[in-house]
Amino acid sequence: MDNDGATDIKGLVDTQAGLLSRRIFIEPGIYQQELERIFARCWLFLCHESQIPNPGDFFTTYMGEDSVLVARDSQGSVGAYLNICRHRGNRLCRADDGNASTFVCAYHGWAYGNDGRLQAVPNLKDAYYEELDTGAWGLTAVAQLDQYKGLVFATFDPHAPPLLEYLGEVAWYLDMFFDRREGGVEVIGGMHKWVVPCNWKLPAENFAGDSYHVAWSHLSALRTGTTSESRNRQQRGSGLQGRIISPGNGHCLISRGSGEFSEAAVPEIKGYEESVRAEAKQRLGERWELANPIVGTVFPNFGMIRTIAQQFRVLHPKGPGQIEIWAFSYVDRDAPPEVKEAIRLASVRAHSPAGTFEQDDMDNWQDCPGTSKGFMAKGGDLNN
């Protein structure tokens, strides 16, 4: 233990030898430090602006294990608040999303506006003798909130660097996912939620740089010709070219080589991708020649896919041994309706809870920490 009572984490990772302790995937003390030192300080993804387009629209999510209410107020400004009534701490909004001018606590009826201000308190005169300062008891706002290309982020840390500084060079690559056409992107088809008994770091790292597992874990899916390129390369007996991109601040991406594309083997999608490549190349400039990112993680828990599926997701931690994945399909806003629907279906088939690729990953993610709980196993290092 450290002097402050926290679990000692020194020596858990040996970057020179490529070793890490299994303890990082299972120990409650380490997880509690992650909530404090990572999730309470980093910029975390909340939602996409297309999910709250109108005044009064709201979306509930999590920052770490803290429930958060994201709301566009009646004037059109976006705010984010702890989704907690300031009276007894009850969860204020229990809906996933919707539109509301006020949020009323189900316990004692305290009512808040969609701008977070406390608007009404039952029995204010006879219970509080009008001595309650309602202006001081609005919802607790996040310390900072900002957007990048329609992606809404927030942090609880008032001293955190600005969002653009936190994103750093990864912003340059996010444009290739979310800003390759003039209209940007939008979320379609709602969201999938599912629980996986694993530590949040496993899928975060999987998207950040683990191209190593694809040809083995996903071999059966690849052999079905899920993507046009994987099928063609398999038939020719040649491999794909690419690279791992580490732009700093913990962010990481996997990129195809220049000119390599791997959209779903669906005629509507393949034709659309070919039709917009000239526009995307002109808009993105030199990025088009240097990289073609297909998956990535914005540290710590925001992931994106642009390959068989077009999807972004959040890995909500629910303890050291469990996560809840929230996944959303996204499309170019100006894409034709039939293309949007084809992309949605391709995303569901590959990366929904029952998706061909997702099932492979979930099976591996749950067994990695599962084997580390034994007395002998948790004392050993992993060759990473």
Protein backbone atom coordinates (compact mmCIF):
# COMPACT_ATOMS: atom_id res chain seq x y z
CA MET A 1 0.00 0.00 0.00
CA ASP A 2 1.08 3.59 -0.66
CA ASN A 3 1.24 6.13 2.15
CA ASP A 4 -2.22 7.38 1.20
CA GLY A 5 -3.68 3.88 1.52
CA ALA A 6 -3.91 3.25 -2.22
CA THR A 7 -2.75 0.00 -3.79
CA ASP A 8 0.90 0.17 -4.81
CA ILE A 9 1.02 -0.02 -8.60
CA LYS A 10 4.78 0.28 -9.03
CA GLY A 11 6.24 -2.61 -10.97
CA LEU A 12 2.97 -3.81 -12.46
CA VAL A 13 4.11 -2.95 -15.99
CA ASP A 14 7.61 -3.46 -17.38
CA THR A 15 7.70 -1.58 -20.67
CA GLN A 16 11.27 -2.59 -21.44
CA ALA A 17 10.64 -6.33 -21.18
CA GLY A 18 7.05 -6.16 -22.42
CA LEU A 19 5.65 -7.70 -19.23
CA LEU A 20 2.56 -6.81 -17.21
CA SER A 21 1.01 -8.19 -14.06
CA ARG A 22 -2.34 -9.95 -14.24
CA ARG A 23 -3.35 -7.93 -11.17
CA ILE A 24 -4.25 -4.94 -13.35
CA PHE A 25 -7.27 -6.84 -14.69
CA ILE A 26 -8.76 -8.10 -11.43
CA GLU A 27 -7.84 -6.10 -8.31
CA PRO A 28 -10.50 -3.77 -6.82
CA GLY A 29 -7.86 -1.45 -5.37
CA ILE A 30 -6.29 -0.85 -8.78
CA TYR A 31 -9.71 -0.32 -10.31
CA GLN A 32 -10.63 2.29 -7.69
CA GLN A 33 -7.45 4.20 -8.54
CA GLU A 34 -8.42 4.07 -12.21
CA LEU A 35 -11.79 5.64 -11.42
CA GLU A 36 -10.04 8.41 -9.49
CA ARG A 37 -6.96 9.02 -11.61
CA ILE A 38 -8.28 8.23 -15.10
CA PHE A 39 -12.06 8.47 -15.36
CA ALA A 40 -12.37 11.45 -13.01
CA ARG A 41 -9.63 13.38 -14.83
CA CYS A 42 -9.65 12.46 -18.53
CA TRP A 43 -11.92 13.86 -21.22
CA LEU A 44 -14.65 11.23 -21.73
CA PHE A 45 -17.01 10.85 -24.68
CA LEU A 46 -20.67 11.58 -23.90
CA CYS A 47 -22.66 11.46 -27.14
CA HIS A 48 -22.83 12.73 -30.71
CA GLU A 49 -24.62 16.01 -31.42
CA SER A 50 -27.02 14.21 -33.78
CA GLN A 51 -28.38 12.35 -30.74
CA ILE A 52 -29.53 15.63 -29.14
CA PRO A 53 -30.32 17.85 -32.17
CA ASN A 54 -33.24 19.89 -30.78
CA PRO A 55 -33.80 22.16 -27.75
CA GLY A 56 -34.91 19.99 -24.84
CA ASP A 57 -33.29 16.81 -26.17
CA PHE A 58 -31.38 14.78 -23.59
CA PHE A 59 -29.24 11.66 -23.36
CA THR A 60 -28.15 9.80 -20.23
CA THR A 61 -24.76 8.14 -20.05
CA TYR A 62 -21.85 7.49 -17.67
CA MET A 63 -18.48 9.02 -16.91
CA GLY A 64 -16.72 6.17 -15.19
CA GLU A 65 -19.44 4.86 -12.88
CA ASP A 66 -21.07 8.28 -12.43
CA SER A 67 -24.44 8.66 -14.14
CA VAL A 68 -24.50 11.79 -16.30
CA LEU A 69 -27.35 13.69 -17.93
CA VAL A 70 -26.51 15.48 -21.20
CA ALA A 71 -29.17 18.02 -22.17
CA ARG A 72 -29.66 20.68 -24.81
CA ASP A 73 -31.49 23.47 -22.99
CA SER A 74 -34.41 25.46 -24.34
CA GLN A 75 -31.98 28.03 -25.79
CA GLY A 76 -30.03 25.34 -27.67
CA SER A 77 -26.90 25.16 -25.46
CA VAL A 78 -25.55 21.77 -24.41
CA GLY A 79 -24.80 21.01 -20.76
CA ALA A 80 -23.82 17.90 -18.82
CA TYR A 81 -24.60 17.20 -15.17
CA LEU A 82 -24.42 14.45 -12.62
CA ASN A 83 -27.73 12.65 -13.00
CA ILE A 84 -28.41 12.96 -9.29
CA CYS A 85 -31.04 14.90 -7.39
CA ARG A 86 -29.38 17.25 -4.92
CA HIS A 87 -31.92 16.41 -2.18
CA ARG A 88 -31.37 12.73 -1.32
CA GLY A 89 -29.14 11.63 -4.18
CA ASN A 90 -31.77 9.72 -6.12
CA ARG A 91 -31.20 9.11 -9.84
CA LEU A 92 -32.98 12.03 -11.47
CA CYS A 93 -33.61 10.97 -15.08
CA ARG A 94 -34.28 7.28 -15.66
CA ALA A 95 -34.84 7.39 -19.43
CA ASP A 96 -32.06 6.71 -21.93
CA ASP A 97 -33.01 9.71 -24.06
CA GLY A 98 -35.93 11.95 -24.99
CA ASN A 99 -37.07 15.55 -24.87
CA ALA A 100 -38.02 17.45 -21.73
CA SER A 101 -38.22 20.99 -20.42
CA THR A 102 -37.86 19.82 -16.81
CA PHE A 103 -36.63 16.79 -14.88
CA VAL A 104 -38.58 15.88 -11.74
CA CYS A 105 -37.16 13.57 -9.09
CA ALA A 106 -39.42 10.59 -8.42
CA TYR A 107 -38.61 10.61 -4.69
CA HIS A 108 -39.65 14.06 -3.39
CA GLY A 109 -40.49 16.01 -6.53
CA TRP A 110 -37.58 18.43 -6.77
CA ALA A 111 -37.73 19.80 -10.32
CA TYR A 112 -34.82 20.96 -12.47
CA GLY A 113 -34.83 22.78 -15.79
CA ASN A 114 -33.04 21.40 -18.83
CA ASP A 115 -30.34 23.97 -18.05
CA GLY A 116 -29.64 22.25 -14.70
CA ARG A 117 -31.15 24.94 -12.49
CA LEU A 118 -33.42 23.99 -9.58
CA GLN A 119 -36.86 25.30 -10.52
CA ALA A 120 -39.27 24.00 -7.90
CA VAL A 121 -39.24 22.39 -4.44
CA PRO A 122 -42.47 21.01 -2.93
CA ASN A 123 -43.42 22.62 0.38
CA LEU A 124 -40.76 25.27 -0.01
CA LYS A 125 -42.65 27.62 2.33
CA ASP A 126 -43.83 25.32 5.09
CA ALA A 127 -40.94 22.82 5.08
CA TYR A 128 -38.01 25.12 4.34
CA TYR A 129 -39.58 28.42 5.47
CA GLU A 130 -38.27 29.83 2.18
CA GLU A 131 -34.75 29.69 3.58
CA LEU A 132 -33.50 27.22 0.93
CA ASP A 133 -31.29 28.98 -1.63
CA THR A 134 -32.60 27.26 -4.76
CA GLY A 135 -29.98 29.02 -6.86
CA ALA A 136 -27.24 27.12 -5.02
CA TRP A 137 -28.79 23.67 -5.40
CA GLY A 138 -28.95 23.13 -9.14
CA LEU A 139 -27.55 20.00 -10.73
CA THR A 140 -23.79 19.46 -10.41
CA ALA A 141 -22.25 20.34 -13.77
CA VAL A 142 -19.15 18.75 -15.26
CA ALA A 143 -16.03 20.88 -14.94
CA GLN A 144 -15.50 21.28 -18.69
CA LEU A 145 -17.51 20.37 -21.78
CA ASP A 146 -16.52 20.71 -25.43
CA GLN A 147 -17.13 19.23 -28.88
CA TYR A 148 -15.01 18.07 -31.77
CA LYS A 149 -16.61 17.38 -35.15
CA GLY A 150 -19.93 16.64 -33.47
CA LEU A 151 -18.43 14.43 -30.74
CA VAL A 152 -19.35 15.75 -27.29
CA PHE A 153 -16.75 15.24 -24.52
CA ALA A 154 -16.59 16.28 -20.88
CA THR A 155 -14.25 16.06 -17.89
CA PHE A 156 -14.74 16.34 -14.14
CA ASP A 157 -11.29 17.92 -13.80
CA PRO A 158 -11.30 21.75 -13.87
CA HIS A 159 -7.53 21.69 -14.38
CA ALA A 160 -7.55 19.29 -17.33
CA PRO A 161 -6.06 20.69 -20.55
CA PRO A 162 -8.50 21.88 -23.24
CA LEU A 163 -10.12 19.12 -25.32
CA LEU A 164 -8.09 19.84 -28.45
CA GLU A 165 -4.89 19.63 -26.45
CA TYR A 166 -6.02 16.36 -24.86
CA LEU A 167 -6.92 14.86 -28.23
CA GLY A 168 -3.66 16.09 -29.72
CA GLU A 169 -2.72 14.44 -32.97
CA VAL A 170 -5.53 11.89 -32.79
CA ALA A 171 -7.91 14.68 -33.87
CA TRP A 172 -6.17 14.61 -37.24
CA TYR A 173 -7.24 10.97 -37.63
CA LEU A 174 -10.73 11.40 -36.15
CA ASP A 175 -11.53 13.54 -39.19
CA MET A 176 -11.10 10.42 -41.34
CA PHE A 177 -13.86 8.71 -39.38
CA PHE A 178 -16.25 11.60 -38.75
CA ASP A 179 -15.52 14.44 -41.18
CA ARG A 180 -14.61 13.03 -44.55
CA ARG A 181 -17.65 14.65 -46.23
CA GLU A 182 -18.98 18.19 -45.89
CA GLY A 183 -22.09 17.21 -43.92
CA GLY A 184 -20.22 15.18 -41.30
CA VAL A 185 -21.89 12.12 -39.78
CA GLU A 186 -25.01 11.21 -37.85
CA VAL A 187 -26.03 8.35 -35.56
CA ILE A 188 -28.76 6.03 -36.84
CA GLY A 189 -30.65 3.04 -35.47
CA GLY A 190 -30.48 3.73 -31.74
CA MET A 191 -27.91 1.81 -29.72
CA HIS A 192 -26.99 -1.66 -28.59
CA LYS A 193 -26.07 -2.30 -24.95
CA TRP A 194 -24.54 -5.46 -23.56
CA VAL A 195 -22.54 -6.59 -20.55
CA VAL A 196 -19.23 -8.43 -20.82
CA PRO A 197 -17.48 -9.98 -17.78
CA CYS A 198 -14.08 -8.47 -18.47
CA ASN A 199 -11.86 -5.57 -17.49
CA TRP A 200 -12.30 -2.35 -19.50
CA LYS A 201 -8.65 -2.29 -20.58
CA LEU A 202 -8.91 -5.47 -22.68
CA PRO A 203 -11.32 -4.15 -25.37
CA ALA A 204 -9.74 -0.68 -25.17
CA GLU A 205 -6.39 -2.19 -26.11
CA ASN A 206 -8.01 -4.52 -28.64
CA PHE A 207 -9.16 -1.56 -30.72
CA ALA A 208 -6.03 0.46 -30.02
CA GLY A 209 -3.47 -1.84 -31.53
CA ASP A 210 -4.29 -5.56 -31.51
CA SER A 211 -4.33 -6.41 -35.18
CA TYR A 212 -2.37 -9.51 -34.12
CA HIS A 213 -5.54 -11.44 -33.18
CA VAL A 214 -7.58 -10.80 -36.32
CA ALA A 215 -6.29 -13.50 -38.63
CA TRP A 216 -6.61 -16.12 -35.87
CA SER A 217 -9.63 -15.20 -33.73
CA HIS A 218 -11.73 -13.99 -36.66
CA LEU A 219 -10.60 -16.52 -39.24
CA SER A 220 -14.01 -18.11 -39.71
CA ALA A 221 -15.66 -14.71 -40.22
CA LEU A 222 -12.98 -13.64 -42.68
CA ARG A 223 -13.38 -16.83 -44.70
CA THR A 224 -17.04 -16.01 -45.29
CA GLY A 225 -15.99 -12.94 -47.29
CA THR A 226 -17.43 -10.46 -44.79
CA THR A 227 -15.33 -7.70 -46.34
CA SER A 228 -14.55 -7.29 -50.00
CA GLU A 229 -10.83 -6.89 -49.39
CA SER A 230 -10.35 -9.69 -46.86
CA ARG A 231 -11.97 -12.11 -49.31
CA ASN A 232 -9.87 -10.96 -52.25
CA ARG A 233 -6.62 -11.01 -50.28
CA GLN A 234 -7.41 -14.45 -48.87
CA GLN A 235 -7.94 -15.77 -52.39
CA ARG A 236 -4.69 -14.25 -53.60
CA GLY A 237 -2.82 -15.57 -50.59
CA SER A 238 -1.34 -12.18 -49.73
CA GLY A 239 -1.50 -10.15 -46.54
CA LEU A 240 -2.76 -6.65 -45.82
CA GLN A 241 -0.34 -3.81 -45.28
CA GLY A 242 -0.82 -1.34 -42.47
CA ARG A 243 0.53 0.20 -39.31
CA ILE A 244 -0.20 0.96 -35.67
CA ILE A 245 -0.47 4.69 -35.02
CA SER A 246 0.30 6.10 -31.56
CA PRO A 247 -0.47 9.84 -31.59
CA GLY A 248 0.13 10.32 -27.84
CA ASN A 249 -1.91 10.80 -24.65
CA GLY A 250 -2.82 7.11 -24.64
CA HIS A 251 -4.75 7.25 -27.93
CA CYS A 252 -3.99 4.64 -30.57
CA LEU A 253 -5.29 3.45 -33.96
CA ILE A 254 -4.87 0.62 -36.44
CA SER A 255 -4.48 1.72 -40.05
CA ARG A 256 -4.64 0.01 -43.41
CA GLY A 257 -1.98 0.76 -45.96
CA SER A 258 -2.44 3.47 -48.57
CA GLY A 259 -5.12 2.50 -51.07
CA GLU A 260 -6.36 -0.48 -49.04
CA PHE A 261 -10.06 -0.51 -48.20
CA SER A 262 -12.15 -3.05 -46.37
CA GLU A 263 -15.77 -2.03 -46.51
CA ALA A 264 -18.47 -4.66 -46.06
CA ALA A 265 -18.96 -6.91 -49.09
CA VAL A 266 -22.36 -5.35 -49.82
CA PRO A 267 -22.99 -3.83 -53.28
CA GLU A 268 -24.68 -0.66 -51.92
CA ILE A 269 -21.80 0.05 -49.53
CA LYS A 270 -19.02 -0.84 -51.95
CA GLY A 271 -20.53 1.36 -54.67
CA TYR A 272 -21.04 4.26 -52.30
CA GLU A 273 -17.49 4.09 -50.94
CA GLU A 274 -16.07 4.16 -54.45
CA SER A 275 -18.29 7.14 -55.35
CA VAL A 276 -17.14 9.32 -52.42
CA ARG A 277 -13.42 8.56 -52.44
CA ALA A 278 -12.53 11.48 -54.67
CA GLU A 279 -14.45 13.90 -52.43
CA ALA A 280 -12.92 12.42 -49.28
CA LYS A 281 -9.43 12.55 -50.75
CA GLN A 282 -9.82 16.21 -51.64
CA ARG A 283 -11.26 17.08 -48.20
CA LEU A 284 -8.68 15.17 -46.15
CA GLY A 285 -5.66 16.13 -48.21
CA GLU A 286 -2.35 14.51 -47.35
CA ARG A 287 -3.96 12.34 -44.68
CA TRP A 288 -5.49 10.27 -47.47
CA GLU A 289 -2.03 9.25 -48.69
CA LEU A 290 -0.48 8.69 -45.26
CA ALA A 291 -3.01 6.56 -43.42
CA ASN A 292 -6.35 4.81 -43.62
CA PRO A 293 -7.37 4.19 -39.97
CA ILE A 294 -10.00 1.50 -39.52
CA VAL A 295 -10.29 1.11 -35.73
CA GLY A 296 -9.00 3.05 -32.76
CA THR A 297 -9.35 4.05 -29.12
CA VAL A 298 -9.46 7.57 -27.76
CA PHE A 299 -8.12 7.03 -24.26
CA PRO A 300 -9.53 5.72 -22.10
CA ASN A 301 -12.76 4.15 -23.36
CA PHE A 302 -14.07 5.62 -26.62
CA GLY A 303 -13.67 3.33 -29.63
CA MET A 304 -14.48 3.67 -33.32
CA ILE A 305 -14.69 1.32 -36.30
CA ARG A 306 -14.67 2.09 -40.02
CA THR A 307 -14.24 -1.20 -41.79
CA ILE A 308 -16.86 -3.98 -42.02
CA ALA A 309 -18.99 -1.81 -39.76
CA GLN A 310 -19.25 1.92 -39.16
CA GLN A 311 -19.67 2.18 -35.44
CA PHE A 312 -18.44 3.96 -32.36
CA ARG A 313 -18.75 2.64 -28.84
CA VAL A 314 -18.14 3.43 -25.20
CA LEU A 315 -16.73 0.90 -22.73
CA HIS A 316 -18.43 1.79 -19.45
CA PRO A 317 -16.55 0.24 -16.50
CA LYS A 318 -18.74 -1.56 -13.97
CA GLY A 319 -16.10 -2.87 -11.58
CA PRO A 320 -12.72 -4.53 -12.20
CA GLY A 321 -14.35 -7.53 -13.88
CA GLN A 322 -17.26 -6.13 -15.86
CA ILE A 323 -18.05 -3.59 -18.55
CA GLU A 324 -21.17 -2.42 -20.33
CA ILE A 325 -20.62 -1.72 -24.01
CA TRP A 326 -22.77 0.90 -25.73
CA ALA A 327 -22.49 0.78 -29.52
CA PHE A 328 -23.86 3.18 -32.14
CA SER A 329 -23.91 2.98 -35.93
CA TYR A 330 -22.89 6.17 -37.69
CA VAL A 331 -23.11 7.17 -41.35
CA ASP A 332 -22.23 10.12 -43.55
CA ARG A 333 -25.13 12.53 -43.10
CA ASP A 334 -25.43 13.02 -46.86
CA ALA A 335 -25.38 9.31 -47.77
CA PRO A 336 -28.50 7.95 -49.56
CA PRO A 337 -31.10 6.20 -47.35
CA GLU A 338 -30.43 2.77 -48.87
CA VAL A 339 -26.71 3.12 -48.08
CA LYS A 340 -27.41 4.16 -44.50
CA GLU A 341 -29.61 1.13 -44.00
CA ALA A 342 -27.01 -1.18 -45.56
CA ILE A 343 -24.32 0.21 -43.23
CA ARG A 344 -26.59 -0.22 -40.21
CA LEU A 345 -27.26 -3.85 -41.08
CA ALA A 346 -23.58 -4.55 -41.74
CA SER A 347 -22.68 -3.07 -38.35
CA VAL A 348 -25.30 -5.19 -36.59
CA ARG A 349 -24.16 -8.36 -38.33
CA ALA A 350 -20.50 -7.84 -37.48
CA HIS A 351 -20.37 -5.89 -34.21
CA SER A 352 -23.65 -6.23 -32.31
CA PRO A 353 -23.86 -8.53 -29.26
CA ALA A 354 -24.60 -11.38 -31.68
CA GLY A 355 -22.24 -10.14 -34.38
CA THR A 356 -19.87 -12.55 -36.09
CA PHE A 357 -16.76 -10.61 -35.04
CA GLU A 358 -18.07 -9.43 -31.66
CA GLN A 359 -18.80 -12.94 -30.39
CA ASP A 360 -15.19 -13.96 -31.06
CA ASP A 361 -13.89 -10.98 -29.09
CA MET A 362 -16.26 -11.38 -26.14
CA ASP A 363 -15.29 -15.02 -25.74
CA ASN A 364 -11.62 -14.06 -25.46
CA TRP A 365 -12.12 -10.93 -23.33
CA GLN A 366 -14.01 -12.79 -20.59
CA ASP A 367 -11.57 -15.66 -20.35
CA CYS A 368 -8.40 -13.55 -20.04
CA PRO A 369 -9.27 -12.05 -16.62
CA GLY A 370 -11.26 -15.15 -15.69
CA THR A 371 -8.11 -17.27 -15.58
CA SER A 372 -6.28 -14.66 -13.49
CA LYS A 373 -8.35 -15.10 -10.31
CA GLY A 374 -6.56 -18.21 -9.11
CA PHE A 375 -3.96 -17.90 -6.36
CA MET A 376 -1.09 -19.07 -8.56
CA ALA A 377 -2.23 -17.38 -11.76
CA LYS A 378 -2.56 -13.86 -10.41
CA GLY A 379 1.04 -13.88 -9.24
CA GLY A 380 2.44 -14.34 -12.75
CA ASP A 381 3.29 -11.84 -15.46
CA LEU A 382 1.96 -11.79 -18.99
CA ASN A 383 4.23 -11.44 -22.03
CA ASN A 384 2.46 -8.62 -23.80
